[in-house]
Each structure stands twice: as C-alpha cells, then as structure tokens.
Amino acid sequence: MSTEQTSGRLLLPRAASRHGIWFTRRGYALYQTCARLLRRRIATLLTLLVMSLSLTLPVMLYLILPELTRVTTSSTRAPGIVAYLDTALTDLQGVELAERLARRADIDAVDYISKADALDSMRHGPDADHVNQTLNILGENPLPGALLIEPAGGSDLSGGEEHKRLAGVLRETRGVHAVELDIEWLERLTAIRQLLKSAGWLFFSVLIVASLMVLSNTVRLESLRHTRESSVVHMLGGSRSFRRRPFLYLGALLGALSGLLACLFAWILMSVLGIPVTALANSYAADFLMPLPGWLDVAKIVMVLAVLGTVTAILGIATTTDQTRANVLNS
C-alpha cells in the first residue's frame, strides 16, 4: 500500500480511498432515505403505525408462548391411578399390596389410604354433616381402602397407552375392586395447549405477511415516485445498485422502526394486562408472570424485521416492471 504526495499535500492510500468511497456512497444513500422519510412525515408516521400495530400481537405471542409452555408443563401433575380395594381386605393386607406394587418397574410410587383415613377426610370435608348422618344410619365405615399409584413417566403423554395398560393389569390384581385412571384431563390440556400454539403461530404469520405487504407497496410507490430522478442518475453513469440502494435502506428502516414501535406497544399492553393475568393464574395455582420485552428481545425483533424489510424492498422493486416505469416517465 503506497502513499502519494502532491503539492505538499499527503494523500490517503489508495485502499483507504476505496474504503472511503464505499462508506461515502452508502452514507449518501442512507441520508437520502432519511431525507425522504422526513419530507413525508405524515405518510411515514401512518405507515409505521399501521405496521407496528399489526406487529404488536406477533411480538406479544413471541414473548408469551415460551412462558405459557413453561407454566403449563411445570404445573402439569402426573396422571394418577386410583385403585379401590375390596372392603374385606385389612389395613395390613393393603400395605403389603402397596409394597408389592411399588416394586414394579412401571410404577414410581404407591400410597396406601386406609379406611379410617378416608373416612376422616370425609368427616372434615364440606359435606361433613351428611357424612355423619349416613354413618349413624349404617353404623359402620363403608369406605374401602385405596391405593394412589403414580405410573412411571410422569406427565409425558407418550406413555399414555402404557398407563392404560397398567390400569388394566391392576383391575386383574387380586384384592382390587375398581380402578380409575386420571389421564383424560391431561390429554385435553395438552390438546388445548397445542391448539393455542398453532393458532398463535397462524396469527403471527398472517400479521407478519400483512405488514410486509404494506412495506412492499410503500417501497414500490416510493420507487415509482422517483423514477425520473433514477433515470437522470442512470444517464449520468450511476449503477443499478447505486440507484436501488436508498429504497433498500427504506425497507430496512421501516422494518426496524416498526419493530421498535411494536415492542413499545407490546410493553404497554403487557404492563397493563400483567396484574389481572397474574391474578387469574394465581387463582389456578399457576406460577405465571407476564413477560416484558427486554433489550435482547428488542434487538432480535428489530434485526429480524430490518432483514425482512430489506428482502421485501428487493421484491417490491423487482415487481416494478420497466413498462410501468416507462408509463410514469411518459405521464
């Protein structure tokens, strides 16, 4: 890399000059883009509001869905099996049966509930008066002993068929009168969660596409509005990339700014809804905390939308045919 000295002035190296030209051209394109946005303040503001409001719901879904999945997964209790024993079995026989079943590989834990414990829990329940009246009539404890069985696999629904098979085995076990498998609620909960997740991503995609269509149309109209200017630059030797660069920057800026505004709107809405949503979750004993967008989330959203805006601007310019430009020039 060599330097040259002319008339007492030290010139920059040729490589540095090339770098300077590279930054100068792109800086000029960015300046042109910002100037165009500022010249049409109202139109720019309306475009950003439309795009940011359309993107607010996708941003909220992006933040809430991971937290919702975490809460529903962590709060999901394992599907349990309740085995009601024959009334003829004593407490000692019930404990022995529980210990024998606990040694099975497909069972994690077994708790034995004696007849006396079951009756005591009913006597202290909300219908204690009716229970006492019934006992006075019967004269003895009619409740059987029970086994609370936790199958292996916890709340993983992939083992649902094995849980049902285990329930069938327990029904054939001597001393067991009836078996109840508490798994249907878990299947419904998982189905609802999957439905919400699929619907969320569907709305996410639709609103993203709608926002990008608005951006594409904006860039296309802006390109047509400056057709004469681009023709003059072309006649003066301006390259195709030089003429298109301001419109690509326009797409990137609109995408980034709309993403920033969408994060702001999402932060406002989630702050307002945070208290009632948390109170509702607490009423169901769920540890749910409304997530707010952090700096890392904002940076990711802005960068992704800037890239999408650039790609959409490329497509918007590409769909503007030469015949359309010629019609603009002749009008």
Protein backbone atom coordinates (compact mmCIF):
# COMPACT_ATOMS: atom_id res chain seq x y z
CA MET A 1 0.00 0.00 0.00
CA SER A 2 1.64 3.23 -1.18
CA THR A 3 1.02 6.86 -0.41
CA GLU A 4 1.40 9.86 -2.74
CA GLN A 5 2.37 13.47 -2.01
CA THR A 6 1.20 16.19 -4.41
CA SER A 7 1.78 19.95 -3.99
CA GLY A 8 2.74 19.49 -0.36
CA ARG A 9 -0.44 17.52 0.47
CA LEU A 10 -0.32 13.96 1.76
CA LEU A 11 -2.99 11.89 0.04
CA LEU A 12 -4.61 8.85 1.65
CA PRO A 13 -3.57 5.40 0.47
CA ARG A 14 -5.49 4.05 -2.49
CA ALA A 15 -7.07 1.26 -0.41
CA ALA A 16 -8.18 3.78 2.22
CA SER A 17 -9.66 5.94 -0.56
CA ARG A 18 -11.64 2.98 -1.85
CA HIS A 19 -12.93 2.32 1.64
CA GLY A 20 -13.84 5.96 1.97
CA ILE A 21 -15.78 5.89 -1.28
CA TRP A 22 -17.58 2.73 -0.14
CA PHE A 23 -18.72 4.40 3.10
CA THR A 24 -19.48 7.69 1.34
CA ARG A 25 -21.83 6.07 -1.16
CA ARG A 26 -23.73 4.15 1.47
CA GLY A 27 -23.82 7.14 3.79
CA TYR A 28 -25.25 9.22 0.96
CA ALA A 29 -27.90 6.57 0.28
CA LEU A 30 -28.83 6.48 3.98
CA TYR A 31 -29.00 10.28 4.05
CA GLN A 32 -31.29 10.26 1.01
CA THR A 33 -33.56 7.68 2.65
CA CYS A 34 -33.85 9.63 5.91
CA ALA A 35 -34.49 12.86 3.99
CA ARG A 36 -37.30 11.23 2.03
CA LEU A 37 -38.91 9.91 5.20
CA LEU A 38 -38.73 13.31 6.86
CA ARG A 39 -40.14 15.10 3.81
CA ARG A 40 -43.25 12.92 4.05
CA ARG A 41 -43.68 12.90 7.82
CA ILE A 42 -47.42 12.19 7.94
CA ALA A 43 -47.26 9.37 5.40
CA THR A 44 -44.23 7.87 7.15
CA LEU A 45 -45.93 8.08 10.55
CA LEU A 46 -49.12 6.44 9.27
CA THR A 47 -47.15 3.66 7.59
CA LEU A 48 -45.18 2.99 10.77
CA LEU A 49 -48.35 2.99 12.89
CA VAL A 50 -50.11 0.51 10.59
CA MET A 51 -47.11 -1.81 10.52
CA SER A 52 -46.30 -1.56 14.23
CA LEU A 53 -49.91 -2.15 15.31
CA SER A 54 -50.05 -5.21 13.04
CA LEU A 55 -46.79 -6.47 14.54
CA THR A 56 -47.78 -5.87 18.18
CA LEU A 57 -49.74 -9.11 18.51
CA PRO A 58 -46.98 -11.25 16.92
CA VAL A 59 -44.45 -9.66 19.28
CA MET A 60 -46.69 -10.44 22.28
CA LEU A 61 -47.14 -14.03 21.09
CA TYR A 62 -43.37 -14.37 20.63
CA LEU A 63 -42.87 -13.32 24.26
CA ILE A 64 -45.83 -15.11 25.87
CA LEU A 65 -45.78 -18.54 24.19
CA PRO A 66 -42.50 -19.74 25.80
CA GLU A 67 -43.71 -18.64 29.23
CA LEU A 68 -47.11 -20.26 28.67
CA THR A 69 -45.46 -23.51 27.61
CA ARG A 70 -43.22 -23.44 30.68
CA VAL A 71 -46.11 -22.85 33.05
CA THR A 72 -48.40 -25.50 31.60
CA THR A 73 -45.56 -28.02 31.53
CA SER A 74 -44.34 -27.33 35.06
CA SER A 75 -47.82 -27.16 36.58
CA THR A 76 -48.98 -30.38 34.94
CA ARG A 77 -49.30 -33.09 37.53
CA ALA A 78 -48.69 -36.67 36.60
CA PRO A 79 -51.68 -38.79 35.57
CA GLY A 80 -52.55 -40.84 38.63
CA ILE A 81 -54.27 -44.18 39.07
CA VAL A 82 -56.61 -44.82 41.99
CA ALA A 83 -57.19 -48.47 42.90
CA TYR A 84 -60.09 -49.12 45.29
CA LEU A 85 -59.56 -52.29 47.32
CA ASP A 86 -62.05 -54.89 48.43
CA THR A 87 -63.71 -54.00 51.71
CA ALA A 88 -62.71 -57.39 53.06
CA LEU A 89 -59.00 -56.50 52.93
CA THR A 90 -57.41 -55.39 56.19
CA ASP A 91 -55.02 -52.46 56.52
CA LEU A 92 -52.07 -54.86 56.81
CA GLN A 93 -53.05 -56.62 53.57
CA GLY A 94 -53.50 -53.24 51.89
CA VAL A 95 -49.99 -52.13 52.94
CA GLU A 96 -48.49 -55.43 51.69
CA LEU A 97 -50.26 -54.99 48.34
CA ALA A 98 -48.93 -51.42 48.08
CA GLU A 99 -45.37 -52.58 48.77
CA ARG A 100 -45.66 -55.33 46.20
CA LEU A 101 -46.93 -52.98 43.51
CA ALA A 102 -44.27 -50.35 44.32
CA ARG A 103 -41.59 -52.82 43.22
CA ARG A 104 -42.93 -52.83 39.65
CA ALA A 105 -40.77 -51.06 37.05
CA ASP A 106 -43.76 -49.23 35.56
CA ILE A 107 -44.76 -47.65 38.88
CA ASP A 108 -42.90 -44.78 40.55
CA ALA A 109 -44.77 -44.58 43.86
CA VAL A 110 -47.74 -46.08 45.71
CA ASP A 111 -49.53 -44.51 48.69
CA TYR A 112 -51.98 -46.53 50.77
CA ILE A 113 -55.07 -44.74 52.10
CA SER A 114 -56.66 -46.73 54.90
CA LYS A 115 -60.41 -46.92 55.53
CA ALA A 116 -60.06 -44.78 58.66
CA ASP A 117 -58.05 -42.10 56.86
CA ALA A 118 -60.59 -41.94 54.02
CA LEU A 119 -63.45 -41.61 56.47
CA ASP A 120 -61.62 -38.95 58.49
CA SER A 121 -61.02 -36.84 55.37
CA MET A 122 -64.73 -37.03 54.50
CA ARG A 123 -65.75 -36.07 58.04
CA HIS A 124 -63.68 -32.90 57.74
CA GLY A 125 -64.90 -32.10 54.25
CA PRO A 126 -67.60 -29.66 53.15
CA ASP A 127 -70.35 -32.34 53.46
CA ALA A 128 -69.41 -33.44 56.97
CA ASP A 129 -73.00 -33.21 58.30
CA HIS A 130 -74.38 -35.51 55.61
CA VAL A 131 -71.50 -37.94 56.10
CA ASN A 132 -72.16 -38.17 59.86
CA GLN A 133 -75.88 -38.73 59.27
CA THR A 134 -75.12 -41.55 56.81
CA LEU A 135 -72.68 -43.18 59.24
CA ASN A 136 -75.26 -43.07 62.02
CA ILE A 137 -77.66 -44.94 59.75
CA LEU A 138 -75.11 -47.52 58.54
CA GLY A 139 -73.41 -47.97 61.86
CA GLU A 140 -70.03 -48.84 60.29
CA ASN A 141 -67.41 -47.45 57.91
CA PRO A 142 -68.49 -48.39 54.36
CA LEU A 143 -65.41 -46.93 52.64
CA PRO A 144 -62.77 -49.25 51.17
CA GLY A 145 -59.03 -48.78 51.37
CA ALA A 146 -57.40 -47.21 48.32
CA LEU A 147 -54.05 -47.08 46.58
CA LEU A 148 -52.82 -43.85 44.96
CA ILE A 149 -50.48 -45.01 42.23
CA GLU A 150 -48.09 -42.78 40.23
CA PRO A 151 -47.13 -44.50 36.97
CA ALA A 152 -43.61 -44.22 35.60
CA GLY A 153 -43.18 -41.48 33.03
CA GLY A 154 -44.85 -38.66 34.94
CA SER A 155 -46.91 -36.28 32.77
CA ASP A 156 -45.40 -37.48 29.50
CA LEU A 157 -48.37 -38.33 27.32
CA SER A 158 -46.25 -40.52 25.07
CA GLY A 159 -46.71 -43.16 27.77
CA GLY A 160 -50.48 -42.80 27.89
CA GLU A 161 -51.09 -46.23 26.37
CA GLU A 162 -48.75 -47.80 28.93
CA HIS A 163 -50.67 -46.09 31.72
CA LYS A 164 -53.89 -47.58 30.36
CA ARG A 165 -52.26 -50.99 30.12
CA LEU A 166 -51.12 -50.68 33.75
CA ALA A 167 -54.67 -49.81 34.77
CA GLY A 168 -55.87 -52.98 33.04
CA VAL A 169 -53.29 -55.05 34.92
CA LEU A 170 -54.38 -53.53 38.22
CA ARG A 171 -58.01 -54.41 37.53
CA GLU A 172 -56.98 -58.06 37.29
CA THR A 173 -55.00 -57.91 40.56
CA ARG A 174 -56.46 -59.87 43.47
CA GLY A 175 -57.84 -57.59 46.16
CA VAL A 176 -58.54 -54.67 43.79
CA HIS A 177 -62.23 -53.88 43.34
CA ALA A 178 -62.13 -50.94 40.89
CA VAL A 179 -59.54 -48.76 39.12
CA GLU A 180 -59.75 -45.15 37.93
CA LEU A 181 -57.19 -43.65 35.51
CA ASP A 182 -56.92 -39.86 35.77
CA ILE A 183 -55.45 -39.08 32.33
CA GLU A 184 -58.26 -37.62 30.24
CA TRP A 185 -57.84 -34.12 31.71
CA LEU A 186 -54.15 -34.19 30.81
CA GLU A 187 -54.91 -35.15 27.22
CA ARG A 188 -57.42 -32.29 26.97
CA LEU A 189 -54.95 -29.82 28.46
CA THR A 190 -52.25 -30.82 26.00
CA ALA A 191 -54.70 -30.58 23.09
CA ILE A 192 -55.76 -27.08 24.17
CA ARG A 193 -52.13 -26.01 24.53
CA GLN A 194 -51.29 -27.28 21.06
CA LEU A 195 -54.36 -25.51 19.64
CA LEU A 196 -53.35 -22.20 21.21
CA LYS A 197 -49.79 -22.62 19.95
CA SER A 198 -50.91 -23.42 16.39
CA ALA A 199 -53.43 -20.57 16.35
CA GLY A 200 -50.80 -18.21 17.73
CA TRP A 201 -48.30 -19.05 15.00
CA LEU A 202 -51.06 -18.76 12.37
CA PHE A 203 -51.97 -15.25 13.53
CA PHE A 204 -48.26 -14.48 13.78
CA SER A 205 -47.69 -15.45 10.15
CA VAL A 206 -50.77 -13.67 8.80
CA LEU A 207 -50.00 -10.38 10.53
CA ILE A 208 -46.31 -10.51 9.57
CA VAL A 209 -47.24 -11.06 5.92
CA ALA A 210 -49.78 -8.21 6.06
CA SER A 211 -47.17 -5.83 7.48
CA LEU A 212 -44.61 -6.83 4.85
CA MET A 213 -47.18 -6.28 2.09
CA VAL A 214 -47.71 -2.74 3.36
CA LEU A 215 -43.95 -2.20 3.39
CA SER A 216 -43.54 -3.65 -0.12
CA ASN A 217 -46.24 -1.40 -1.51
CA THR A 218 -44.69 1.63 0.20
CA VAL A 219 -41.25 0.93 -1.28
CA ARG A 220 -42.75 0.27 -4.71
CA LEU A 221 -44.66 3.57 -4.70
CA GLU A 222 -41.58 5.41 -3.49
CA SER A 223 -39.57 3.84 -6.29
CA LEU A 224 -42.14 4.95 -8.87
CA ARG A 225 -42.25 8.43 -7.38
CA HIS A 226 -38.51 8.84 -8.00
CA THR A 227 -38.44 7.22 -11.45
CA ARG A 228 -37.37 10.44 -13.19
CA GLU A 229 -34.60 11.03 -10.68
CA SER A 230 -33.35 7.47 -11.12
CA SER A 231 -33.38 7.93 -14.91
CA VAL A 232 -31.20 11.02 -14.62
CA VAL A 233 -28.75 9.20 -12.32
CA HIS A 234 -28.66 6.32 -14.81
CA MET A 235 -27.81 8.67 -17.68
CA LEU A 236 -25.03 10.19 -15.57
CA GLY A 237 -23.46 6.75 -15.11
CA GLY A 238 -24.99 5.69 -11.81
CA SER A 239 -25.01 1.93 -11.35
CA ARG A 240 -28.15 -0.09 -10.77
CA SER A 241 -27.15 -0.88 -7.18
CA PHE A 242 -26.47 2.81 -6.53
CA ARG A 243 -29.96 3.71 -7.74
CA ARG A 244 -31.70 0.98 -5.75
CA ARG A 245 -29.72 1.30 -2.53
CA PRO A 246 -31.88 4.13 -1.00
CA PHE A 247 -35.03 2.02 -1.44
CA LEU A 248 -33.40 -0.99 0.21
CA TYR A 249 -32.43 1.22 3.13
CA LEU A 250 -36.01 2.49 3.17
CA GLY A 251 -37.31 -1.06 3.64
CA ALA A 252 -34.74 -1.79 6.34
CA LEU A 253 -35.51 1.45 8.22
CA LEU A 254 -39.28 0.97 8.05
CA GLY A 255 -38.91 -2.62 9.25
CA ALA A 256 -36.60 -1.70 12.13
CA LEU A 257 -38.65 1.31 13.25
CA SER A 258 -41.94 -0.61 13.08
CA GLY A 259 -40.37 -3.40 15.14
CA LEU A 260 -39.21 -0.88 17.71
CA LEU A 261 -42.68 0.67 17.93
CA ALA A 262 -44.29 -2.79 18.11
CA CYS A 263 -42.07 -3.62 21.11
CA LEU A 264 -43.13 -0.37 22.76
CA PHE A 265 -46.84 -1.08 22.20
CA ALA A 266 -46.38 -4.67 23.40
CA TRP A 267 -44.62 -3.43 26.54
CA ILE A 268 -47.50 -1.04 27.28
CA LEU A 269 -50.23 -3.66 26.73
CA MET A 270 -48.41 -6.38 28.68
CA SER A 271 -47.76 -4.00 31.57
CA VAL A 272 -51.46 -3.13 31.73
CA LEU A 273 -52.57 -6.79 31.46
CA GLY A 274 -49.84 -8.13 33.75
CA ILE A 275 -51.66 -7.70 37.09
CA PRO A 276 -55.06 -9.21 36.11
CA VAL A 277 -53.44 -12.07 34.17
CA THR A 278 -51.16 -12.90 37.10
CA ALA A 279 -54.14 -12.80 39.49
CA LEU A 280 -56.05 -15.18 37.20
CA ALA A 281 -53.09 -17.54 37.02
CA ASN A 282 -52.68 -17.49 40.80
CA SER A 283 -56.33 -18.50 41.21
CA TYR A 284 -55.42 -21.72 39.36
CA ALA A 285 -52.21 -22.13 41.39
CA ALA A 286 -50.11 -21.46 38.28
CA ASP A 287 -46.80 -19.62 38.55
CA PHE A 288 -47.32 -17.32 35.55
CA LEU A 289 -45.61 -13.95 35.24
CA MET A 290 -46.36 -11.73 32.25
CA PRO A 291 -43.03 -11.38 30.39
CA LEU A 292 -41.97 -7.93 29.25
CA PRO A 293 -39.68 -7.35 26.27
CA GLY A 294 -36.06 -6.94 27.34
CA TRP A 295 -33.25 -5.28 25.46
CA LEU A 296 -32.14 -8.58 23.94
CA ASP A 297 -35.68 -9.33 22.74
CA VAL A 298 -36.00 -5.84 21.25
CA ALA A 299 -32.65 -6.20 19.47
CA LYS A 300 -33.65 -9.57 17.99
CA ILE A 301 -37.02 -8.29 16.80
CA VAL A 302 -35.56 -5.11 15.28
CA MET A 303 -32.78 -7.02 13.48
CA VAL A 304 -35.16 -9.66 12.09
CA LEU A 305 -37.62 -7.04 10.85
CA ALA A 306 -34.84 -4.98 9.32
CA VAL A 307 -33.69 -8.02 7.33
CA LEU A 308 -37.28 -8.86 6.34
CA GLY A 309 -37.80 -5.23 5.34
CA THR A 310 -34.75 -5.33 3.11
CA VAL A 311 -35.85 -8.55 1.42
CA THR A 312 -39.37 -7.17 0.98
CA ALA A 313 -37.95 -3.98 -0.56
CA ILE A 314 -35.97 -6.06 -3.05
CA LEU A 315 -39.14 -7.92 -4.03
CA GLY A 316 -41.11 -4.67 -4.21
CA ILE A 317 -38.60 -3.11 -6.59
CA ALA A 318 -38.35 -6.31 -8.64
CA THR A 319 -42.12 -6.34 -9.22
CA THR A 320 -41.97 -2.83 -10.71
CA THR A 321 -41.65 -3.59 -14.42
CA ASP A 322 -39.85 -1.48 -16.99
CA GLN A 323 -43.18 -0.83 -18.72
CA THR A 324 -44.58 0.67 -15.52
CA ARG A 325 -41.57 2.93 -15.21
CA ALA A 326 -41.93 3.98 -18.85
CA ASN A 327 -45.58 4.88 -18.26
CA VAL A 328 -44.55 7.01 -15.30
CA LEU A 329 -41.91 8.80 -17.38
CA ASN A 330 -44.36 9.49 -20.23
CA SER A 331 -47.13 10.74 -17.97
